[in-house]
Amino acid sequence: MADKADITPKVLRQLIAIDEETSLMTWKARDESFFKSPALANAWNDQWAGKPLGLSTNPIGYQKVGILKVNFMAHRVVFALIKGRWPDGDIDHINRNKKDNRIENLREVTPTQNNCNVGLTKANTSGFKGGSWVKKSNKWRAAIRLGNKNIWLGQYDDIEKAAEAYATASAKYHKEFGYVP
């Protein structure tokens, strides 16, 4: 079994072919050096060479793949294959589709930037990001998160005004990383 650190982008390129337009990854025929015997190499290549990688989905919806008995997130493998290096930070799916691993949908981001591009959570009942109903005042409150701080954007009689306040703040603070449903 390989160690994760041993699987460099150079090793990935020996093992996997990628269609850069679609991000479809297929197994390349493997050299005998990856096996204990030439017979095992031939058996593996007969069964797997040229076939798509078997991707599975983790509990939160991201695709993963096993390479030399080590699990990787598929979007990180796509990035490494195409860019020739492992990403330094997080990888954000620009369109928020966790299974869309085309390189034009992936961008290297900080954890804070990645959190800006999150859609509505299951707990959201307002239907807009950054907003909640304040029973005490009978108004809609808008807030935006910046790093570890909440910035209050005000209270509004109208839900659309609160949503608009969030959208304006998101464009200002989150810039291209912001998401407004």
Foldseek 3Di string as FASTA:
>chain_A
DDDPVVCALVNLLQFWDADLQQRFIFGAQHDCVLDPDPVVSVVCCVPGHPHTFDWDADPVGFIWGADNNDIDGSLQSSCCNVVVGGAPADWAQLVNRRHRSRPVRIDHDHPQLNVQQDDDDPPDDLLKPQWDADPVVRWIWGWDDDPPDIDTQDTHNDSVVSRVSNVVVCCVRSNSSHDID
